[in-house]
Amino acid sequence: MNLRYLGYACINTSIGKTTNKTFRLKNLNYDKYYQTVQYNLRSLEDIILWNRENNINFFRIGSEIIPFASHEEFDFDWKKDFKDKLRSLKEMANETNMRFTMHPGQYTVLNSQRPEVVQKAIDEIEYHAQFLHEIYPDKGKIVIHTGGVYGDKDKAKKVFIKNFELLSELAKKMLILENDDKSYNVFDVLEISEKINIPVVFDILHHICNTPCKKPYENLEEIIEKVVNTWKGDIPIFHLSSRKGNIGCPHTEFIRKPDFNKLISIMKKVKNYSQFDIMVEAKAKEKAVIELLKI
């Protein structure tokens, strides 16, 4: 397999633009909502143009691009209010051949034991699906983690699978499941993926931090082949970051060259399909991607 795109998330530090500008819930009113969303959509437009000029075709849009859109107190029609801008972004996405994902926050827990938390997670995922559908129909992906273990991982997996069925067909088609650094390793998410037929995003640092394998790189080609198979011909996404220190999984400013080269060398040996994309999770954002493009 060969690398196609490298991407980064939410913010472009080179032009000082973010797709995650927000405000406090207590300040939610029409003017605040309109001004903030207008800024976020314009920022996304500027980032797309900058990405095109710098040969970057993959971007994760910030979840706060429409602040509080899934909240019960949100009562605005963002699709109508920003119809023209959303259409323009859709055209830009097509013209630039950009790939978009979104990644709801840590409180989007689909397998929670609390019904109200599950409902909020559903509402949040549905908002992400609606937004991506407006600017990137049929191709957008929403990355989520499985959630909590709650003392019984097998039961928690079954709850996730059950609650997945509560999502709309649109959201189901967009959802992709990532292994995390503490609870659900790649084998757990592969098991869930097989049950509900959604792709798996492999995060190599999370695998290093959370794997039952004696050595993190043990049988990695075989594992990655299983991950790639979940994409069923679509171009798979991998997450790459470098570890800061030896405790937990904090990210460094830039990706270390050996970490990048290691993943690339492994992927070249994977026989399934031909291309893959990497979402670079580094604090330097687009600058980290630019450095990797020089290698």
C-alpha atoms as a PDB file:
ATOM      1  CA  MET A   1       0.000   0.000   0.000  1.00  0.00           C
ATOM      2  CA  ASN A   2       1.153   3.523  -0.775  1.00  0.00           C
ATOM      3  CA  LEU A   3       0.536   6.768   1.073  1.00  0.00           C
ATOM      4  CA  ARG A   4      -1.949   9.063  -0.655  1.00  0.00           C
ATOM      5  CA  TYR A   5      -2.787  12.008   1.654  1.00  0.00           C
ATOM      6  CA  LEU A   6      -1.473  13.471   4.888  1.00  0.00           C
ATOM      7  CA  GLY A   7      -3.854  15.602   6.937  1.00  0.00           C
ATOM      8  CA  TYR A   8      -4.197  17.580  10.165  1.00  0.00           C
ATOM      9  CA  ALA A   9      -6.952  18.648  12.514  1.00  0.00           C
ATOM     10  CA  CYS A  10      -9.128  21.702  13.121  1.00  0.00           C
ATOM     11  CA  ILE A  11      -6.583  24.564  13.183  1.00  0.00           C
ATOM     12  CA  ASN A  12      -4.140  26.123  10.735  1.00  0.00           C
ATOM     13  CA  THR A  13      -1.472  27.969  12.696  1.00  0.00           C
ATOM     14  CA  SER A  14       0.221  29.390   9.595  1.00  0.00           C
ATOM     15  CA  ILE A  15      -2.765  31.584   8.775  1.00  0.00           C
ATOM     16  CA  GLY A  16      -4.181  31.734  12.292  1.00  0.00           C
ATOM     17  CA  LYS A  17      -7.509  30.115  11.442  1.00  0.00           C
ATOM     18  CA  THR A  18      -9.629  27.663  13.425  1.00  0.00           C
ATOM     19  CA  THR A  19     -12.835  25.806  12.663  1.00  0.00           C
ATOM     20  CA  ASN A  20     -13.492  25.485  16.396  1.00  0.00           C
ATOM     21  CA  LYS A  21     -14.268  29.028  17.535  1.00  0.00           C
ATOM     22  CA  THR A  22     -16.996  28.875  20.174  1.00  0.00           C
ATOM     23  CA  PHE A  23     -18.530  30.692  23.153  1.00  0.00           C
ATOM     24  CA  ARG A  24     -20.199  29.890  26.466  1.00  0.00           C
ATOM     25  CA  LEU A  25     -23.646  28.347  26.401  1.00  0.00           C
ATOM     26  CA  LYS A  26     -25.009  31.183  28.553  1.00  0.00           C
ATOM     27  CA  ASN A  27     -24.133  33.583  25.714  1.00  0.00           C
ATOM     28  CA  LEU A  28     -26.081  31.627  23.103  1.00  0.00           C
ATOM     29  CA  ASN A  29     -28.201  34.027  21.074  1.00  0.00           C
ATOM     30  CA  TYR A  30     -28.782  34.575  17.377  1.00  0.00           C
ATOM     31  CA  ASP A  31     -26.105  37.244  16.891  1.00  0.00           C
ATOM     32  CA  LYS A  32     -23.439  35.276  18.743  1.00  0.00           C
ATOM     33  CA  TYR A  33     -24.359  32.099  16.907  1.00  0.00           C
ATOM     34  CA  TYR A  34     -24.408  33.768  13.489  1.00  0.00           C
ATOM     35  CA  GLN A  35     -21.124  35.639  13.903  1.00  0.00           C
ATOM     36  CA  THR A  36     -19.297  32.575  15.239  1.00  0.00           C
ATOM     37  CA  VAL A  37     -20.540  30.171  12.584  1.00  0.00           C
ATOM     38  CA  GLN A  38     -19.792  32.741   9.903  1.00  0.00           C
ATOM     39  CA  TYR A  39     -16.209  32.977  11.184  1.00  0.00           C
ATOM     40  CA  ASN A  40     -15.801  29.190  11.361  1.00  0.00           C
ATOM     41  CA  LEU A  41     -17.108  28.620   7.836  1.00  0.00           C
ATOM     42  CA  ARG A  42     -14.903  31.360   6.444  1.00  0.00           C
ATOM     43  CA  SER A  43     -11.954  29.834   8.277  1.00  0.00           C
ATOM     44  CA  LEU A  44     -12.717  26.459   6.719  1.00  0.00           C
ATOM     45  CA  GLU A  45     -12.784  28.116   3.321  1.00  0.00           C
ATOM     46  CA  ASP A  46      -9.411  29.799   3.959  1.00  0.00           C
ATOM     47  CA  ILE A  47      -7.919  26.535   5.228  1.00  0.00           C
ATOM     48  CA  ILE A  48      -9.092  24.625   2.157  1.00  0.00           C
ATOM     49  CA  LEU A  49      -7.440  27.214  -0.102  1.00  0.00           C
ATOM     50  CA  TRP A  50      -4.216  27.146   1.927  1.00  0.00           C
ATOM     51  CA  ASN A  51      -4.217  23.340   1.898  1.00  0.00           C
ATOM     52  CA  ARG A  52      -4.603  23.283  -1.865  1.00  0.00           C
ATOM     53  CA  GLU A  53      -1.654  25.635  -2.309  1.00  0.00           C
ATOM     54  CA  ASN A  54       0.462  23.415  -0.054  1.00  0.00           C
ATOM     55  CA  ASN A  55      -0.515  20.009  -1.478  1.00  0.00           C
ATOM     56  CA  ILE A  56      -2.516  18.916   1.572  1.00  0.00           C
ATOM     57  CA  ASN A  57      -5.779  17.170   0.715  1.00  0.00           C
ATOM     58  CA  PHE A  58      -6.974  15.859   4.083  1.00  0.00           C
ATOM     59  CA  PHE A  59      -8.491  17.873   6.937  1.00  0.00           C
ATOM     60  CA  ARG A  60     -10.434  17.166  10.125  1.00  0.00           C
ATOM     61  CA  ILE A  61     -13.123  19.800  10.638  1.00  0.00           C
ATOM     62  CA  GLY A  62     -13.616  20.976  14.217  1.00  0.00           C
ATOM     63  CA  SER A  63     -16.707  19.720  16.016  1.00  0.00           C
ATOM     64  CA  GLU A  64     -17.541  23.261  17.161  1.00  0.00           C
ATOM     65  CA  ILE A  65     -17.926  24.588  13.621  1.00  0.00           C
ATOM     66  CA  ILE A  66     -21.609  25.043  14.547  1.00  0.00           C
ATOM     67  CA  PRO A  67     -21.310  25.624  18.316  1.00  0.00           C
ATOM     68  CA  PHE A  68     -23.939  23.837  20.444  1.00  0.00           C
ATOM     69  CA  ALA A  69     -25.731  22.591  17.312  1.00  0.00           C
ATOM     70  CA  SER A  70     -26.814  19.388  19.080  1.00  0.00           C
ATOM     71  CA  HIS A  71     -27.746  21.087  22.358  1.00  0.00           C
ATOM     72  CA  GLU A  72     -31.380  21.214  23.457  1.00  0.00           C
ATOM     73  CA  GLU A  73     -31.194  25.010  23.807  1.00  0.00           C
ATOM     74  CA  PHE A  74     -29.991  25.468  20.214  1.00  0.00           C
ATOM     75  CA  ASP A  75     -32.949  26.643  18.137  1.00  0.00           C
ATOM     76  CA  PHE A  76     -31.469  27.985  14.908  1.00  0.00           C
ATOM     77  CA  ASP A  77     -31.658  26.671  11.342  1.00  0.00           C
ATOM     78  CA  TRP A  78     -27.987  26.669  10.400  1.00  0.00           C
ATOM     79  CA  LYS A  79     -28.622  24.914   7.089  1.00  0.00           C
ATOM     80  CA  LYS A  80     -30.959  27.708   5.993  1.00  0.00           C
ATOM     81  CA  ASP A  81     -28.961  30.568   7.512  1.00  0.00           C
ATOM     82  CA  PHE A  82     -25.744  29.478   5.781  1.00  0.00           C
ATOM     83  CA  LYS A  83     -27.154  27.808   2.694  1.00  0.00           C
ATOM     84  CA  ASP A  84     -25.017  29.757   0.234  1.00  0.00           C
ATOM     85  CA  LYS A  85     -21.773  29.320   2.172  1.00  0.00           C
ATOM     86  CA  LEU A  86     -22.370  25.591   2.622  1.00  0.00           C
ATOM     87  CA  ARG A  87     -22.993  25.228  -1.110  1.00  0.00           C
ATOM     88  CA  SER A  88     -19.779  27.132  -1.799  1.00  0.00           C
ATOM     89  CA  LEU A  89     -17.819  24.865   0.549  1.00  0.00           C
ATOM     90  CA  LYS A  90     -19.283  21.821  -1.164  1.00  0.00           C
ATOM     91  CA  GLU A  91     -18.091  23.131  -4.521  1.00  0.00           C
ATOM     92  CA  MET A  92     -14.644  23.871  -3.083  1.00  0.00           C
ATOM     93  CA  ALA A  93     -14.382  20.378  -1.654  1.00  0.00           C
ATOM     94  CA  ASN A  94     -15.133  18.901  -5.065  1.00  0.00           C
ATOM     95  CA  GLU A  95     -12.761  21.220  -6.913  1.00  0.00           C
ATOM     96  CA  THR A  96      -9.844  20.634  -4.537  1.00  0.00           C
ATOM     97  CA  ASN A  97     -10.442  16.887  -4.075  1.00  0.00           C
ATOM     98  CA  MET A  98     -10.246  17.430  -0.312  1.00  0.00           C
ATOM     99  CA  ARG A  99     -11.033  14.637   2.154  1.00  0.00           C
ATOM    100  CA  PHE A 100     -12.910  15.580   5.341  1.00  0.00           C
ATOM    101  CA  THR A 101     -13.479  13.863   8.666  1.00  0.00           C
ATOM    102  CA  MET A 102     -14.867  15.002  12.022  1.00  0.00           C
ATOM    103  CA  HIS A 103     -14.208  13.651  15.515  1.00  0.00           C
ATOM    104  CA  PRO A 104     -16.821  14.270  18.258  1.00  0.00           C
ATOM    105  CA  GLY A 105     -15.389  14.940  21.705  1.00  0.00           C
ATOM    106  CA  GLN A 106     -14.758  12.601  24.608  1.00  0.00           C
ATOM    107  CA  TYR A 107     -18.250  13.066  26.036  1.00  0.00           C
ATOM    108  CA  THR A 108     -19.866  11.491  22.993  1.00  0.00           C
ATOM    109  CA  VAL A 109     -20.304   8.084  24.642  1.00  0.00           C
ATOM    110  CA  LEU A 110     -22.642   5.831  22.716  1.00  0.00           C
ATOM    111  CA  ASN A 111     -22.386   2.945  25.200  1.00  0.00           C
ATOM    112  CA  SER A 112     -23.008   4.963  28.364  1.00  0.00           C
ATOM    113  CA  GLN A 113     -25.072   3.414  31.149  1.00  0.00           C
ATOM    114  CA  ARG A 114     -27.050   6.647  31.376  1.00  0.00           C
ATOM    115  CA  PRO A 115     -29.857   7.041  28.778  1.00  0.00           C
ATOM    116  CA  GLU A 116     -29.543  10.829  28.725  1.00  0.00           C
ATOM    117  CA  VAL A 117     -25.833  10.566  27.858  1.00  0.00           C
ATOM    118  CA  VAL A 118     -26.604   8.100  25.068  1.00  0.00           C
ATOM    119  CA  GLN A 119     -29.230  10.456  23.663  1.00  0.00           C
ATOM    120  CA  LYS A 120     -26.790  13.370  23.722  1.00  0.00           C
ATOM    121  CA  ALA A 121     -24.220  11.208  21.963  1.00  0.00           C
ATOM    122  CA  ILE A 122     -26.767  10.314  19.277  1.00  0.00           C
ATOM    123  CA  ASP A 123     -27.721  13.969  18.836  1.00  0.00           C
ATOM    124  CA  GLU A 124     -24.048  14.954  18.543  1.00  0.00           C
ATOM    125  CA  ILE A 125     -23.252  12.263  15.998  1.00  0.00           C
ATOM    126  CA  GLU A 126     -26.335  13.181  13.959  1.00  0.00           C
ATOM    127  CA  TYR A 127     -25.261  16.847  13.878  1.00  0.00           C
ATOM    128  CA  HIS A 128     -21.817  15.824  12.600  1.00  0.00           C
ATOM    129  CA  ALA A 129     -23.444  13.649   9.947  1.00  0.00           C
ATOM    130  CA  GLN A 130     -25.734  16.455   8.822  1.00  0.00           C
ATOM    131  CA  PHE A 131     -22.900  18.954   8.566  1.00  0.00           C
ATOM    132  CA  LEU A 132     -20.643  16.625   6.587  1.00  0.00           C
ATOM    133  CA  HIS A 133     -23.545  15.717   4.341  1.00  0.00           C
ATOM    134  CA  GLU A 134     -24.031  19.380   3.461  1.00  0.00           C
ATOM    135  CA  ILE A 135     -20.478  19.932   2.238  1.00  0.00           C
ATOM    136  CA  TYR A 136     -19.185  16.427   1.545  1.00  0.00           C
ATOM    137  CA  PRO A 137     -22.127  14.125   0.761  1.00  0.00           C
ATOM    138  CA  ASP A 138     -21.600  10.353   0.680  1.00  0.00           C
ATOM    139  CA  LYS A 139     -17.901  10.618   1.563  1.00  0.00           C
ATOM    140  CA  GLY A 140     -17.539  12.215   5.023  1.00  0.00           C
ATOM    141  CA  LYS A 141     -16.388  10.126   7.986  1.00  0.00           C
ATOM    142  CA  ILE A 142     -17.049  10.585  11.704  1.00  0.00           C
ATOM    143  CA  VAL A 143     -14.400   9.135  14.027  1.00  0.00           C
ATOM    144  CA  ILE A 144     -15.519   7.960  17.455  1.00  0.00           C
ATOM    145  CA  HIS A 145     -14.222   5.788  20.294  1.00  0.00           C
ATOM    146  CA  THR A 146     -16.203   2.925  21.765  1.00  0.00           C
ATOM    147  CA  GLY A 147     -16.623   4.579  25.180  1.00  0.00           C
ATOM    148  CA  GLY A 148     -16.517   3.233  28.717  1.00  0.00           C
ATOM    149  CA  VAL A 149     -15.934  -0.300  30.020  1.00  0.00           C
ATOM    150  CA  TYR A 150     -18.116   0.000  33.153  1.00  0.00           C
ATOM    151  CA  GLY A 151     -16.623  -3.102  34.762  1.00  0.00           C
ATOM    152  CA  ASP A 152     -17.691  -5.463  31.990  1.00  0.00           C
ATOM    153  CA  LYS A 153     -16.132  -4.870  28.585  1.00  0.00           C
ATOM    154  CA  ASP A 154     -18.076  -7.595  26.782  1.00  0.00           C
ATOM    155  CA  LYS A 155     -21.367  -6.163  27.995  1.00  0.00           C
ATOM    156  CA  ALA A 156     -20.222  -2.616  27.126  1.00  0.00           C
ATOM    157  CA  LYS A 157     -19.433  -3.760  23.580  1.00  0.00           C
ATOM    158  CA  LYS A 158     -22.924  -5.200  23.235  1.00  0.00           C
ATOM    159  CA  VAL A 159     -24.436  -1.922  24.466  1.00  0.00           C
ATOM    160  CA  PHE A 160     -22.431  -0.014  21.842  1.00  0.00           C
ATOM    161  CA  ILE A 161     -23.656  -2.374  19.118  1.00  0.00           C
ATOM    162  CA  LYS A 162     -27.259  -2.036  20.326  1.00  0.00           C
ATOM    163  CA  ASN A 163     -27.137   1.756  20.531  1.00  0.00           C
ATOM    164  CA  PHE A 164     -25.466   2.014  17.131  1.00  0.00           C
ATOM    165  CA  GLU A 165     -28.780   0.839  15.690  1.00  0.00           C
ATOM    166  CA  LEU A 166     -30.454   3.966  17.094  1.00  0.00           C
ATOM    167  CA  LEU A 167     -28.540   6.140  14.642  1.00  0.00           C
ATOM    168  CA  SER A 168     -29.917   7.265  11.294  1.00  0.00           C
ATOM    169  CA  GLU A 169     -28.771   5.432   8.176  1.00  0.00           C
ATOM    170  CA  LEU A 170     -26.816   8.541   7.181  1.00  0.00           C
ATOM    171  CA  ALA A 171     -24.871   8.560  10.448  1.00  0.00           C
ATOM    172  CA  LYS A 172     -24.276   4.805  10.342  1.00  0.00           C
ATOM    173  CA  LYS A 173     -22.683   5.115   6.899  1.00  0.00           C
ATOM    174  CA  MET A 174     -20.316   7.831   8.146  1.00  0.00           C
ATOM    175  CA  LEU A 175     -19.226   6.336  11.461  1.00  0.00           C
ATOM    176  CA  ILE A 176     -15.714   4.882  11.788  1.00  0.00           C
ATOM    177  CA  LEU A 177     -14.353   3.362  15.004  1.00  0.00           C
ATOM    178  CA  GLU A 178     -10.901   4.105  16.455  1.00  0.00           C
ATOM    179  CA  ASN A 179      -8.897   2.043  18.927  1.00  0.00           C
ATOM    180  CA  ASP A 180      -8.153   4.062  22.068  1.00  0.00           C
ATOM    181  CA  ASP A 181      -5.178   4.300  24.401  1.00  0.00           C
ATOM    182  CA  LYS A 182      -6.772   2.826  27.550  1.00  0.00           C
ATOM    183  CA  SER A 183      -9.891   0.713  27.143  1.00  0.00           C
ATOM    184  CA  TYR A 184     -10.629  -0.645  23.676  1.00  0.00           C
ATOM    185  CA  ASN A 185      -7.651  -1.975  21.747  1.00  0.00           C
ATOM    186  CA  VAL A 186      -7.575  -2.708  18.034  1.00  0.00           C
ATOM    187  CA  PHE A 187      -8.828  -6.269  18.559  1.00  0.00           C
ATOM    188  CA  ASP A 188     -11.842  -4.964  20.487  1.00  0.00           C
ATOM    189  CA  VAL A 189     -12.810  -2.509  17.763  1.00  0.00           C
ATOM    190  CA  LEU A 190     -12.260  -5.103  15.038  1.00  0.00           C
ATOM    191  CA  GLU A 191     -14.700  -7.359  16.895  1.00  0.00           C
ATOM    192  CA  ILE A 192     -17.293  -4.575  17.052  1.00  0.00           C
ATOM    193  CA  SER A 193     -16.656  -3.646  13.418  1.00  0.00           C
ATOM    194  CA  GLU A 194     -17.444  -7.180  12.312  1.00  0.00           C
ATOM    195  CA  LYS A 195     -20.799  -7.026  14.102  1.00  0.00           C
ATOM    196  CA  ILE A 196     -21.987  -3.666  12.737  1.00  0.00           C
ATOM    197  CA  ASN A 197     -20.014  -3.432   9.495  1.00  0.00           C
ATOM    198  CA  ILE A 198     -18.202  -0.113   9.959  1.00  0.00           C
ATOM    199  CA  PRO A 199     -14.551   0.728   9.174  1.00  0.00           C
ATOM    200  CA  VAL A 200     -11.793   0.770  11.781  1.00  0.00           C
ATOM    201  CA  VAL A 201      -9.324   3.641  12.147  1.00  0.00           C
ATOM    202  CA  PHE A 202      -5.995   2.345  13.390  1.00  0.00           C
ATOM    203  CA  ASP A 203      -4.108   4.718  15.702  1.00  0.00           C
ATOM    204  CA  ILE A 204      -0.585   3.351  15.990  1.00  0.00           C
ATOM    205  CA  LEU A 205       0.326   5.296  19.156  1.00  0.00           C
ATOM    206  CA  HIS A 206      -2.849   4.100  20.861  1.00  0.00           C
ATOM    207  CA  HIS A 207      -1.864   0.587  19.860  1.00  0.00           C
ATOM    208  CA  ILE A 208       1.557   1.060  21.457  1.00  0.00           C
ATOM    209  CA  CYS A 209      -0.089   2.351  24.650  1.00  0.00           C
ATOM    210  CA  ASN A 210      -2.889  -0.213  24.718  1.00  0.00           C
ATOM    211  CA  THR A 211      -2.166  -3.635  23.256  1.00  0.00           C
ATOM    212  CA  PRO A 212      -2.283  -7.166  24.660  1.00  0.00           C
ATOM    213  CA  CYS A 213       0.640  -8.044  22.379  1.00  0.00           C
ATOM    214  CA  LYS A 214       3.959  -8.606  24.120  1.00  0.00           C
ATOM    215  CA  LYS A 215       5.583  -6.277  21.596  1.00  0.00           C
ATOM    216  CA  PRO A 216       3.658  -3.383  19.971  1.00  0.00           C
ATOM    217  CA  TYR A 217       4.914  -4.179  16.481  1.00  0.00           C
ATOM    218  CA  GLU A 218       4.267  -7.909  16.797  1.00  0.00           C
ATOM    219  CA  ASN A 219       2.138  -9.226  13.890  1.00  0.00           C
ATOM    220  CA  LEU A 220       1.361  -5.642  12.914  1.00  0.00           C
ATOM    221  CA  GLU A 221       1.117  -6.356   9.190  1.00  0.00           C
ATOM    222  CA  GLU A 222      -1.510  -9.006   9.862  1.00  0.00           C
ATOM    223  CA  ILE A 223      -3.419  -6.653  12.181  1.00  0.00           C
ATOM    224  CA  ILE A 224      -3.343  -3.827   9.658  1.00  0.00           C
ATOM    225  CA  GLU A 225      -4.563  -6.134   6.882  1.00  0.00           C
ATOM    226  CA  LYS A 226      -7.614  -6.891   9.048  1.00  0.00           C
ATOM    227  CA  VAL A 227      -8.128  -3.157   9.613  1.00  0.00           C
ATOM    228  CA  VAL A 228      -7.867  -2.405   5.895  1.00  0.00           C
ATOM    229  CA  ASN A 229     -10.416  -5.132   5.111  1.00  0.00           C
ATOM    230  CA  THR A 230     -13.016  -3.265   7.190  1.00  0.00           C
ATOM    231  CA  TRP A 231     -12.912  -0.425   4.629  1.00  0.00           C
ATOM    232  CA  LYS A 232     -14.235  -2.706   1.881  1.00  0.00           C
ATOM    233  CA  GLY A 233     -12.408  -0.987  -0.950  1.00  0.00           C
ATOM    234  CA  ASP A 234     -12.607   2.584   0.387  1.00  0.00           C
ATOM    235  CA  ILE A 235      -9.280   4.273   1.165  1.00  0.00           C
ATOM    236  CA  PRO A 236      -8.480   3.593   4.845  1.00  0.00           C
ATOM    237  CA  ILE A 237      -7.451   6.221   7.383  1.00  0.00           C
ATOM    238  CA  PHE A 238      -4.663   5.826   9.931  1.00  0.00           C
ATOM    239  CA  HIS A 239      -3.755   8.129  12.813  1.00  0.00           C
ATOM    240  CA  LEU A 240      -0.118   8.953  13.474  1.00  0.00           C
ATOM    241  CA  SER A 241       1.464  10.782  16.390  1.00  0.00           C
ATOM    242  CA  SER A 242       4.729  10.668  18.297  1.00  0.00           C
ATOM    243  CA  ARG A 243       4.742   9.997  22.011  1.00  0.00           C
ATOM    244  CA  LYS A 244       5.917  12.674  24.421  1.00  0.00           C
ATOM    245  CA  GLY A 245       7.581  10.907  27.344  1.00  0.00           C
ATOM    246  CA  ASN A 246       6.885   7.364  28.469  1.00  0.00           C
ATOM    247  CA  ILE A 247       3.629   7.772  30.408  1.00  0.00           C
ATOM    248  CA  GLY A 248       0.260   7.880  28.678  1.00  0.00           C
ATOM    249  CA  CYS A 249      -0.083   9.050  25.087  1.00  0.00           C
ATOM    250  CA  PRO A 250       0.594  12.824  25.007  1.00  0.00           C
ATOM    251  CA  HIS A 251       1.514  14.089  21.541  1.00  0.00           C
ATOM    252  CA  THR A 252       4.689  15.893  20.507  1.00  0.00           C
ATOM    253  CA  GLU A 253       4.835  19.090  18.452  1.00  0.00           C
ATOM    254  CA  PHE A 254       6.092  17.271  15.363  1.00  0.00           C
ATOM    255  CA  ILE A 255       6.169  13.674  14.186  1.00  0.00           C
ATOM    256  CA  ARG A 256       9.509  11.994  14.711  1.00  0.00           C
ATOM    257  CA  LYS A 257      10.959  10.809  11.426  1.00  0.00           C
ATOM    258  CA  PRO A 258      11.507   7.198  12.662  1.00  0.00           C
ATOM    259  CA  ASP A 259       7.823   6.964  13.704  1.00  0.00           C
ATOM    260  CA  PHE A 260       6.702   8.079  10.249  1.00  0.00           C
ATOM    261  CA  ASN A 261       9.147   5.853   8.407  1.00  0.00           C
ATOM    262  CA  LYS A 262       8.182   2.853  10.549  1.00  0.00           C
ATOM    263  CA  LEU A 263       4.501   3.158   9.670  1.00  0.00           C
ATOM    264  CA  ILE A 264       5.241   3.729   5.986  1.00  0.00           C
ATOM    265  CA  SER A 265       7.529   0.698   5.832  1.00  0.00           C
ATOM    266  CA  ILE A 266       4.867  -1.500   7.435  1.00  0.00           C
ATOM    267  CA  MET A 267       2.132  -0.214   5.120  1.00  0.00           C
ATOM    268  CA  LYS A 268       4.202  -0.937   2.015  1.00  0.00           C
ATOM    269  CA  LYS A 269       4.124  -4.615   2.985  1.00  0.00           C
ATOM    270  CA  VAL A 270       0.345  -4.715   3.353  1.00  0.00           C
ATOM    271  CA  LYS A 271      -1.086  -6.307   0.226  1.00  0.00           C
ATOM    272  CA  ASN A 272      -4.735  -5.335   0.521  1.00  0.00           C
ATOM    273  CA  TYR A 273      -5.773  -2.439  -1.744  1.00  0.00           C
ATOM    274  CA  SER A 274      -3.371   0.221  -2.956  1.00  0.00           C
ATOM    275  CA  GLN A 275      -3.598   3.498  -1.004  1.00  0.00           C
ATOM    276  CA  PHE A 276      -4.126   4.876   2.492  1.00  0.00           C
ATOM    277  CA  ASP A 277      -4.381   8.295   4.196  1.00  0.00           C
ATOM    278  CA  ILE A 278      -2.785   9.445   7.441  1.00  0.00           C
ATOM    279  CA  MET A 279      -4.274  11.941   9.874  1.00  0.00           C
ATOM    280  CA  VAL A 280      -1.285  13.537  11.607  1.00  0.00           C
ATOM    281  CA  GLU A 281      -2.063  14.253  15.261  1.00  0.00           C
ATOM    282  CA  ALA A 282       0.673  16.663  16.292  1.00  0.00           C
ATOM    283  CA  LYS A 283       0.521  19.962  18.143  1.00  0.00           C
ATOM    284  CA  ALA A 284       2.229  21.808  15.286  1.00  0.00           C
ATOM    285  CA  LYS A 285      -0.755  20.938  13.048  1.00  0.00           C
ATOM    286  CA  GLU A 286      -0.100  21.795   9.386  1.00  0.00           C
ATOM    287  CA  LYS A 287       3.561  22.534  10.070  1.00  0.00           C
ATOM    288  CA  ALA A 288       4.045  18.932  11.163  1.00  0.00           C
ATOM    289  CA  VAL A 289       2.498  17.785   7.884  1.00  0.00           C
ATOM    290  CA  ILE A 290       4.723  20.106   5.852  1.00  0.00           C
ATOM    291  CA  GLU A 291       7.787  18.604   7.526  1.00  0.00           C
ATOM    292  CA  LEU A 292       6.635  15.096   6.647  1.00  0.00           C
ATOM    293  CA  LEU A 293       6.018  16.085   3.029  1.00  0.00           C
ATOM    294  CA  LYS A 294       9.714  16.929   2.780  1.00  0.00           C
ATOM    295  CA  ILE A 295      10.780  13.372   3.653  1.00  0.00           C
END
